């Protein structure tokens, strides 16, 4: 039986004019000009390519079905339609368990399956030294192995769609080519690799730099260094954490210019404490941490970040302010661009109705009002 059509109106970020999107059976059936003007904007739904947790739900703490379901609800409430659940460096068994929990959650509900189209595994094949390793546990860093990757896929029904690694490993070329042949995207990150190692990984099929400018040594040679090499690689897209803490304004603006708006992606890289009340917490990795009112999450007694703790919606507004972007440009970095490398449909007739209605503050902030996930509305906590 065909569901009745739903009409959703709002201002188009590209033109500022009202438009109405018609939804039926979870898909967009028409996009027409005009409609009710209640002051809200209407865009393609946000897609977060890197999200480790939110609102106390942690994907890297041996999650169960309830944790994954709670995470999806929290992510929708924050203003995001779809995301890639992200697992960091851990033991083989811990990664397998998390993959199984995510697969079980997806199998339990078609809307959860739609919300999480694939999994991003960030590690465990990263640089082992302090600095580029970031907060990843050193004891679980290990070389890339296609046998291990195939075990991951067997545990979750081929859900892993993106793997982040450091290209310094001797096994990199065979591993990247093997994943490319399996239809899996490869990103470079948490690395101290030399320019020739980065270039070789791109030639083998790597296509993205993960949170460029972070997951790297605090002090680098003037040149060459891994940041310059990745910025110069035309075959690499780049993701950025635009929370105002991971990258200074000038750095973010210059990197965005170098990589270009067409090959740049915003991610939250949110940890489990994202969306929680400011205060002191005991983190599974890093010990005592403080979540400040401005969204900065740092190790107590230091100036070091302990992860990201704001939503992708906040990142869109912050990116707009730091780089002088238009609303449409900033939204593109978190809506269209994350979908393109993975061949996920955008805002067009026939595509899933993944939408965001939001208010735009005088200060440029975005207050999400309703998220649509394959046509299903979720009221947001703005």
Protein backbone atom coordinates (compact mmCIF):
# COMPACT_ATOMS: atom_id res chain seq x y z
CA UNK A 1 0.00 0.00 0.00
CA UNK A 2 1.39 3.39 -0.98
CA UNK A 3 1.87 5.93 1.81
CA UNK A 4 0.23 9.35 1.39
CA UNK A 5 2.55 12.08 0.19
CA UNK A 6 4.21 14.45 2.67
CA UNK A 7 5.18 17.99 1.71
CA UNK A 8 8.12 19.67 3.47
CA UNK A 9 8.89 23.34 2.83
CA UNK A 10 11.79 25.62 3.63
CA UNK A 11 14.27 28.07 2.18
CA UNK A 12 16.81 26.74 -0.31
CA UNK A 13 20.35 27.53 0.97
CA UNK A 14 21.51 28.08 -2.61
CA UNK A 15 18.92 30.71 -3.54
CA UNK A 16 17.25 31.81 -0.32
CA UNK A 17 13.90 31.12 -1.98
CA UNK A 18 11.26 28.79 -0.61
CA UNK A 19 10.87 25.33 -2.06
CA UNK A 20 8.75 22.30 -1.27
CA UNK A 21 9.98 18.72 -1.32
CA UNK A 22 7.35 16.04 -1.80
CA UNK A 23 8.01 12.71 -0.05
CA UNK A 24 6.29 9.40 -0.66
CA UNK A 25 7.33 5.95 0.58
CA UNK A 26 10.53 7.42 1.96
CA UNK A 27 11.72 8.95 -1.30
CA UNK A 28 11.65 12.35 -2.95
CA UNK A 29 8.98 12.40 -5.64
CA UNK A 30 9.09 16.10 -6.53
CA UNK A 31 10.90 19.37 -5.77
CA UNK A 32 8.87 22.48 -6.56
CA UNK A 33 9.31 26.21 -5.88
CA UNK A 34 7.25 27.95 -3.22
CA UNK A 35 5.53 26.71 -0.09
CA UNK A 36 4.85 27.90 3.43
CA UNK A 37 7.43 30.36 4.74
CA UNK A 38 7.93 29.87 8.49
CA UNK A 39 11.49 31.17 8.44
CA UNK A 40 13.10 27.72 8.38
CA UNK A 41 15.71 26.54 5.88
CA UNK A 42 15.62 23.17 4.11
CA UNK A 43 18.68 21.26 2.93
CA UNK A 44 19.91 17.80 2.14
CA UNK A 45 20.47 15.90 5.38
CA UNK A 46 23.93 15.98 6.95
CA UNK A 47 26.16 12.93 6.53
CA UNK A 48 28.93 12.43 9.12
CA UNK A 49 31.77 10.33 7.78
CA UNK A 50 33.49 9.96 11.16
CA UNK A 51 31.58 9.52 14.38
CA UNK A 52 32.83 7.44 17.32
CA UNK A 53 30.00 8.13 19.76
CA UNK A 54 27.54 10.71 21.04
CA UNK A 55 25.52 11.54 24.16
CA UNK A 56 27.27 8.88 26.24
CA UNK A 57 26.91 6.14 23.61
CA UNK A 58 30.38 4.77 22.81
CA UNK A 59 31.14 2.60 19.79
CA UNK A 60 34.64 1.89 21.09
CA UNK A 61 33.64 0.44 24.45
CA UNK A 62 32.36 -2.99 23.36
CA UNK A 63 28.91 -1.67 22.29
CA UNK A 64 25.79 -3.80 22.38
CA UNK A 65 22.56 -3.51 20.39
CA UNK A 66 21.07 -1.02 22.85
CA UNK A 67 24.15 1.24 22.66
CA UNK A 68 24.05 1.37 18.87
CA UNK A 69 20.32 2.11 18.81
CA UNK A 70 20.77 4.85 21.40
CA UNK A 71 23.59 6.33 19.38
CA UNK A 72 21.50 6.54 16.22
CA UNK A 73 18.71 8.31 18.09
CA UNK A 74 21.17 10.78 19.63
CA UNK A 75 22.76 11.48 16.25
CA UNK A 76 19.37 12.17 14.66
CA UNK A 77 18.45 14.45 17.56
CA UNK A 78 21.65 16.42 16.95
CA UNK A 79 20.60 17.20 13.37
CA UNK A 80 22.36 14.47 11.35
CA UNK A 81 20.49 12.11 8.98
CA UNK A 82 23.19 9.54 8.17
CA UNK A 83 26.64 8.68 9.47
CA UNK A 84 29.48 6.19 9.26
CA UNK A 85 29.91 4.59 12.71
CA UNK A 86 33.64 4.78 13.35
CA UNK A 87 35.79 2.29 15.25
CA UNK A 88 39.30 3.21 16.34
CA UNK A 89 42.38 1.08 17.04
CA UNK A 90 41.55 -1.84 19.34
CA UNK A 91 42.20 -5.54 19.70
CA UNK A 92 41.04 -7.83 16.94
CA UNK A 93 38.27 -9.25 19.15
CA UNK A 94 37.04 -5.80 20.21
CA UNK A 95 36.72 -4.64 16.60
CA UNK A 96 34.92 -7.85 15.64
CA UNK A 97 32.48 -7.47 18.56
CA UNK A 98 31.71 -3.85 17.65
CA UNK A 99 31.16 -4.72 14.00
CA UNK A 100 28.75 -7.47 14.98
CA UNK A 101 26.80 -5.11 17.25
CA UNK A 102 26.46 -2.53 14.46
CA UNK A 103 25.37 -5.21 11.99
CA UNK A 104 22.82 -6.55 14.47
CA UNK A 105 21.37 -3.07 14.99
CA UNK A 106 21.10 -2.48 11.23
CA UNK A 107 19.38 -5.81 10.73
CA UNK A 108 16.83 -4.98 13.44
CA UNK A 109 15.39 -1.87 11.76
CA UNK A 110 15.43 -0.66 8.13
CA UNK A 111 15.78 2.95 9.29
CA UNK A 112 18.90 2.08 11.28
CA UNK A 113 20.25 0.32 8.20
CA UNK A 114 19.65 3.46 6.17
CA UNK A 115 21.14 5.74 8.83
CA UNK A 116 24.41 3.74 8.91
CA UNK A 117 25.23 2.80 5.30
CA UNK A 118 28.74 1.54 6.13
CA UNK A 119 31.36 1.43 8.88
CA UNK A 120 34.59 3.45 9.04
CA UNK A 121 37.50 1.65 10.73
CA UNK A 122 40.11 4.23 11.77
CA UNK A 123 43.15 2.08 12.49
CA UNK A 124 44.57 -0.15 13.82
CA UNK A 125 47.18 0.24 11.05
CA UNK A 126 48.38 3.71 12.05
CA UNK A 127 51.69 5.25 13.10
CA UNK A 128 52.82 3.71 16.41
CA UNK A 129 54.73 6.71 17.79
CA UNK A 130 53.36 9.33 20.17
CA UNK A 131 51.89 12.30 18.33
CA UNK A 132 50.59 10.89 15.06
CA UNK A 133 49.04 7.98 16.95
CA UNK A 134 46.84 10.46 18.83
CA UNK A 135 44.64 8.89 21.50
CA UNK A 136 44.70 5.44 19.90
CA UNK A 137 46.09 2.74 22.25
CA UNK A 138 49.69 1.88 21.33
CA UNK A 139 49.39 -1.76 22.36
CA UNK A 140 46.89 -2.47 19.57
CA UNK A 141 48.65 -0.75 16.67
CA UNK A 142 49.60 -3.36 14.06
CA UNK A 143 50.44 -3.72 10.36
CA UNK A 144 47.70 -4.01 7.75
CA UNK A 145 46.50 -7.52 6.97
CA UNK A 146 44.01 -8.54 4.31
CA UNK A 147 43.26 -11.67 6.32
CA UNK A 148 42.22 -9.50 9.26
CA UNK A 149 40.16 -7.24 7.01
CA UNK A 150 38.34 -10.24 5.54
CA UNK A 151 37.60 -11.42 9.10
CA UNK A 152 36.05 -8.02 9.82
CA UNK A 153 33.83 -8.30 6.76
CA UNK A 154 32.82 -11.85 7.59
CA UNK A 155 31.73 -10.71 11.06
CA UNK A 156 29.49 -7.90 9.82
CA UNK A 157 28.31 -8.86 6.34
CA UNK A 158 30.75 -6.64 4.41
CA UNK A 159 29.79 -3.43 6.23
CA UNK A 160 33.26 -1.88 6.37
CA UNK A 161 33.30 0.75 3.62
CA UNK A 162 36.23 2.95 4.70
CA UNK A 163 39.54 2.20 6.40
CA UNK A 164 41.99 4.85 7.64
CA UNK A 165 45.65 3.83 7.85
CA UNK A 166 49.15 5.25 7.85
CA UNK A 167 50.91 4.45 4.56
CA UNK A 168 54.33 3.93 6.17
CA UNK A 169 53.82 0.15 6.56
CA UNK A 170 55.62 -2.14 4.05
CA UNK A 171 52.31 -3.95 3.55
CA UNK A 172 50.48 -0.76 2.47
CA UNK A 173 50.56 -1.23 -1.30
CA UNK A 174 49.11 -4.75 -1.29
CA UNK A 175 46.57 -3.83 1.37
CA UNK A 176 45.29 -0.70 -0.38
CA UNK A 177 45.05 -2.52 -3.70
CA UNK A 178 43.25 -5.39 -2.01
CA UNK A 179 40.67 -3.10 -0.41
CA UNK A 180 40.24 -1.17 -3.66
CA UNK A 181 39.52 -4.46 -5.46
CA UNK A 182 36.91 -5.24 -2.80
CA UNK A 183 35.16 -1.90 -3.39
CA UNK A 184 36.32 -0.40 -0.08
CA UNK A 185 37.67 3.16 0.18
CA UNK A 186 41.00 3.85 1.86
CA UNK A 187 41.98 7.01 3.73
CA UNK A 188 45.33 8.19 5.08
CA UNK A 189 45.61 9.46 8.62
CA UNK A 190 47.43 9.28 11.97
CA UNK A 191 50.68 9.19 10.03
CA UNK A 192 54.26 10.36 9.89
CA UNK A 193 54.75 8.89 6.42
CA UNK A 194 57.26 10.25 3.93
CA UNK A 195 56.09 11.93 0.70
CA UNK A 196 56.95 8.91 -1.46
CA UNK A 197 54.94 6.63 0.85
CA UNK A 198 51.93 8.94 0.61
CA UNK A 199 52.21 9.13 -3.18
CA UNK A 200 52.52 5.35 -3.45
CA UNK A 201 49.37 4.85 -1.37
CA UNK A 202 47.45 7.25 -3.61
CA UNK A 203 48.70 5.41 -6.69
CA UNK A 204 47.45 2.18 -5.12
CA UNK A 205 43.98 3.65 -4.58
CA UNK A 206 43.85 5.73 -1.38
CA UNK A 207 41.39 8.60 -1.91
CA UNK A 208 40.99 10.60 1.33
CA UNK A 209 42.97 12.29 4.08
CA UNK A 210 41.29 11.70 7.44
CA UNK A 211 40.93 14.85 9.62
CA UNK A 212 43.87 16.50 7.89
CA UNK A 213 46.02 18.57 10.25
CA UNK A 214 45.22 16.33 13.21
CA UNK A 215 46.52 12.89 14.13
CA UNK A 216 50.03 14.12 13.43
CA UNK A 217 53.17 15.14 15.32
CA UNK A 218 52.97 18.44 17.21
CA UNK A 219 56.28 19.56 15.64
CA UNK A 220 57.08 18.91 11.97
CA UNK A 221 59.91 19.74 9.56
CA UNK A 222 59.18 22.93 7.66
CA UNK A 223 59.20 20.84 4.48
CA UNK A 224 58.65 18.18 3.44
CA UNK A 225 56.05 16.87 5.86
CA UNK A 226 52.87 14.76 5.61
CA UNK A 227 50.53 17.78 5.58
CA UNK A 228 52.11 19.38 2.52
CA UNK A 229 52.25 16.03 0.73
CA UNK A 230 48.56 15.32 1.31
CA UNK A 231 47.47 18.84 0.41
CA UNK A 232 49.40 18.56 -2.87
CA UNK A 233 47.96 15.17 -3.84
CA UNK A 234 45.18 15.88 -6.34
CA UNK A 235 43.90 12.32 -5.91
CA UNK A 236 43.10 12.88 -2.24
CA UNK A 237 39.96 14.38 -0.82
CA UNK A 238 40.36 15.73 2.72
CA UNK A 239 38.15 15.70 5.79
CA UNK A 240 38.43 18.38 8.46
CA UNK A 241 37.23 18.78 12.06
CA UNK A 242 35.83 22.31 12.14
CA UNK A 243 35.00 22.59 15.84
CA UNK A 244 37.19 25.64 16.45
CA UNK A 245 39.60 23.58 18.57
CA UNK A 246 41.25 21.01 16.31
CA UNK A 247 42.32 23.54 13.66
CA UNK A 248 42.95 27.27 14.10
CA UNK A 249 40.98 29.54 11.82
CA UNK A 250 43.92 30.44 9.58
CA UNK A 251 45.00 26.81 9.23
CA UNK A 252 41.52 25.60 8.34
CA UNK A 253 40.98 28.40 5.84
CA UNK A 254 44.33 27.81 4.11
CA UNK A 255 43.84 24.04 3.95
CA UNK A 256 40.35 24.44 2.55
CA UNK A 257 41.66 26.76 -0.13
CA UNK A 258 44.49 24.37 -1.02
CA UNK A 259 42.29 21.31 -1.26
CA UNK A 260 39.32 23.14 -2.78
CA UNK A 261 35.65 23.08 -1.81
CA UNK A 262 34.96 20.29 -4.30
CA UNK A 263 37.28 17.84 -2.48
CA UNK A 264 36.73 18.85 1.15
CA UNK A 265 34.50 17.20 3.74
CA UNK A 266 33.48 18.21 7.25
CA UNK A 267 33.37 15.51 9.94
CA UNK A 268 32.56 15.73 13.62
CA UNK A 269 34.91 12.95 14.80
CA UNK A 270 32.62 13.07 17.83
CA UNK A 271 33.50 11.03 20.90
CA UNK A 272 30.99 9.57 23.34
CA UNK A 273 31.03 12.75 25.46
CA UNK A 274 29.76 14.87 22.56
CA UNK A 275 26.39 16.32 23.49
CA UNK A 276 26.96 15.70 27.21
CA UNK A 277 26.88 18.23 30.05
CA UNK A 278 30.15 20.15 30.55
CA UNK A 279 32.21 18.82 33.44
CA UNK A 280 34.89 16.33 34.50
CA UNK A 281 34.75 12.75 33.24
CA UNK A 282 36.78 9.56 33.38
CA UNK A 283 37.46 8.58 29.77
CA UNK A 284 38.26 4.98 28.74
CA UNK A 285 41.28 6.37 26.87
CA UNK A 286 43.12 9.37 28.26
CA UNK A 287 42.05 9.20 31.91
CA UNK A 288 40.47 12.29 33.50
CA UNK A 289 39.11 14.69 30.89
CA UNK A 290 37.18 17.95 31.01
CA UNK A 291 34.37 18.88 28.65
CA UNK A 292 34.16 22.66 28.61
CA UNK A 293 31.11 24.77 27.88
CA UNK A 294 32.54 25.80 24.48
CA UNK A 295 32.75 22.16 23.36
CA UNK A 296 36.47 21.71 23.95
CA UNK A 297 37.35 18.26 25.34
CA UNK A 298 40.82 18.08 26.86
CA UNK A 299 42.94 15.97 29.17
CA UNK A 300 42.83 17.53 32.64
CA UNK A 301 45.96 19.45 33.54
CA UNK A 302 47.18 19.70 29.95
CA UNK A 303 46.42 21.60 26.77
CA UNK A 304 45.90 18.36 24.81
CA UNK A 305 42.60 17.54 23.18
CA UNK A 306 40.91 14.30 24.21
CA UNK A 307 38.73 14.08 21.11
CA UNK A 308 35.94 16.08 19.53
CA UNK A 309 32.76 16.83 21.44
CA UNK A 310 30.40 18.86 19.25
CA UNK A 311 27.90 17.94 16.57
CA UNK A 312 28.40 18.20 12.82
CA UNK A 313 25.75 20.95 12.80
CA UNK A 314 28.03 23.02 15.04
CA UNK A 315 30.91 22.23 12.68
CA UNK A 316 29.01 23.57 9.67
CA UNK A 317 28.40 26.91 11.38
CA UNK A 318 31.98 27.07 12.65
CA UNK A 319 33.43 26.27 9.23
CA UNK A 320 31.32 29.00 7.70
CA UNK A 321 32.63 31.52 10.19
CA UNK A 322 36.29 30.46 10.08
CA UNK A 323 36.58 30.30 6.29
CA UNK A 324 34.09 32.98 5.24
CA UNK A 325 31.87 30.48 3.43
CA UNK A 326 28.34 31.00 2.24
CA UNK A 327 25.64 28.92 3.90
CA UNK A 328 25.35 26.75 0.79
CA UNK A 329 29.12 26.19 0.61
CA UNK A 330 29.38 25.18 4.26
CA UNK A 331 26.42 22.81 3.99
CA UNK A 332 27.86 21.20 0.86
CA UNK A 333 30.92 20.12 2.86
CA UNK A 334 28.69 18.11 5.20
CA UNK A 335 25.90 16.98 2.84
CA UNK A 336 26.82 16.45 -0.81
CA UNK A 337 30.58 16.02 -0.53
CA UNK A 338 30.63 13.14 2.01
CA UNK A 339 28.21 11.22 -0.20
CA UNK A 340 30.00 11.62 -3.53
CA UNK A 341 32.99 9.29 -2.97
CA UNK A 342 30.62 6.56 -1.78
CA UNK A 343 28.07 6.97 -4.59
CA UNK A 344 25.29 7.87 -2.18
CA UNK A 345 22.42 9.87 -3.73
CA UNK A 346 21.97 13.55 -2.91
CA UNK A 347 18.94 15.83 -3.19
CA UNK A 348 17.15 14.66 -6.33
CA UNK A 349 13.87 13.09 -7.36
CA UNK A 350 14.00 9.38 -6.63
CA UNK A 351 16.60 9.68 -3.86
CA UNK A 352 15.88 8.82 -0.21
CA UNK A 353 14.28 11.76 1.58
CA UNK A 354 17.17 12.67 3.90
CA UNK A 355 16.57 16.29 4.85
CA UNK A 356 17.31 18.91 7.47
CA UNK A 357 15.02 21.79 8.46
CA UNK A 358 16.76 24.39 10.60
CA UNK A 359 16.70 27.95 11.82
CA UNK A 360 19.59 30.26 11.05
CA UNK A 361 20.65 32.52 13.90
CA UNK A 362 21.80 36.09 13.47
CA UNK A 363 25.26 34.91 14.58
CA UNK A 364 25.33 32.26 11.83
CA UNK A 365 24.48 29.36 14.14
CA UNK A 366 22.29 26.54 12.88
CA UNK A 367 19.46 25.31 15.11
CA UNK A 368 18.12 22.02 13.69
CA UNK A 369 14.37 21.67 13.97
CA UNK A 370 13.59 18.39 12.16
CA UNK A 371 15.72 15.70 10.55
CA UNK A 372 14.23 13.38 7.94
CA UNK A 373 15.72 9.91 7.55
CA UNK A 374 14.35 8.13 4.49
CA UNK A 375 11.23 10.25 4.95
CA UNK A 376 10.80 9.61 8.67
CA UNK A 377 10.86 12.85 10.72
CA UNK A 378 12.83 13.23 13.96
CA UNK A 379 12.49 16.32 16.13
CA UNK A 380 15.89 17.72 17.10
CA UNK A 381 17.29 18.91 20.41
CA UNK A 382 18.34 22.37 19.30
